[in-house]
Amino acid sequence: MCQQIMDANNRWNSAEAPVEGAVVYVLAADRKGRYEIPFPVRFEDERWWNAGTGQELDAFVVGWRPLE
């Protein structure tokens, strides 16, 4: 389940995509608001993939940040 973002201090990169193969956290959006996907996501072939399962992410990604 996704968690809605309330903390404005999180810095999300929405200006550019991460490098090919990067594993990051992503921020998704729908008509109800913005949500942090609660697992690492890999960016590959211009698409987002669950880094643990390898399944393509079915979400509208609006930002990303590096794993910390």
Protein backbone atom coordinates (compact mmCIF):
# COMPACT_ATOMS: atom_id res chain seq x y z
CA MET A 1 0.00 0.00 0.00
CA CYS A 2 1.22 3.52 -0.78
CA GLN A 3 1.65 6.29 1.75
CA GLN A 4 0.48 9.83 1.08
CA ILE A 5 3.30 12.36 1.34
CA MET A 6 2.85 14.93 4.10
CA ASP A 7 6.50 15.93 4.70
CA ALA A 8 7.46 18.87 2.49
CA ASN A 9 11.16 18.33 3.35
CA ASN A 10 11.45 15.31 1.04
CA ARG A 11 13.22 16.36 -2.12
CA TRP A 12 11.85 14.80 -5.29
CA ASN A 13 13.47 15.20 -8.70
CA SER A 14 10.84 15.81 -11.34
CA ALA A 15 12.96 17.68 -13.87
CA GLU A 16 14.82 14.71 -15.33
CA ALA A 17 14.78 10.93 -15.30
CA PRO A 18 17.40 9.02 -13.32
CA VAL A 19 20.23 7.27 -15.15
CA GLU A 20 19.38 3.98 -16.85
CA GLY A 21 19.34 1.13 -14.33
CA ALA A 22 19.14 3.39 -11.27
CA VAL A 23 17.28 2.07 -8.23
CA VAL A 24 15.37 4.89 -6.52
CA TYR A 25 12.27 5.76 -4.55
CA VAL A 26 9.42 7.26 -6.58
CA LEU A 27 6.54 9.61 -5.97
CA ALA A 28 3.32 8.69 -7.78
CA ALA A 29 0.15 10.73 -8.24
CA ASP A 30 -3.50 10.12 -8.88
CA ARG A 31 -6.65 12.20 -8.48
CA LYS A 32 -6.54 11.70 -4.69
CA GLY A 33 -3.04 13.06 -4.20
CA ARG A 34 0.63 12.13 -4.23
CA TYR A 35 2.05 8.94 -2.74
CA GLU A 36 5.51 7.52 -2.13
CA ILE A 37 5.77 3.98 -3.46
CA PRO A 38 6.97 2.04 -0.37
CA PHE A 39 9.62 -0.06 -2.12
CA PRO A 40 12.66 0.62 -4.31
CA VAL A 41 11.97 1.06 -8.02
CA ARG A 42 14.36 0.55 -10.96
CA PHE A 43 14.29 2.84 -14.01
CA GLU A 44 15.03 0.90 -17.20
CA ASP A 45 13.94 1.17 -20.85
CA GLU A 46 12.11 4.45 -20.07
CA ARG A 47 9.83 2.57 -17.63
CA TRP A 48 9.63 1.99 -13.87
CA TRP A 49 10.00 -1.51 -12.38
CA ASN A 50 9.64 -2.92 -8.85
CA ALA A 51 13.29 -3.53 -7.93
CA GLY A 52 12.38 -6.54 -5.79
CA THR A 53 9.90 -8.41 -8.00
CA GLY A 54 10.81 -7.16 -11.47
CA GLN A 55 7.18 -6.27 -12.23
CA GLU A 56 6.46 -3.09 -14.17
CA LEU A 57 5.06 -0.33 -11.98
CA ASP A 58 1.46 0.59 -12.81
CA ALA A 59 1.57 4.19 -11.60
CA PHE A 60 1.98 7.75 -12.84
CA VAL A 61 5.41 8.76 -11.53
CA VAL A 62 5.85 12.47 -10.81
CA GLY A 63 9.20 12.41 -9.03
CA TRP A 64 12.07 10.31 -7.74
CA ARG A 65 14.85 10.47 -5.18
CA PRO A 66 17.94 8.37 -4.55
CA LEU A 67 17.97 5.55 -2.02
CA GLU A 68 19.41 6.82 1.26
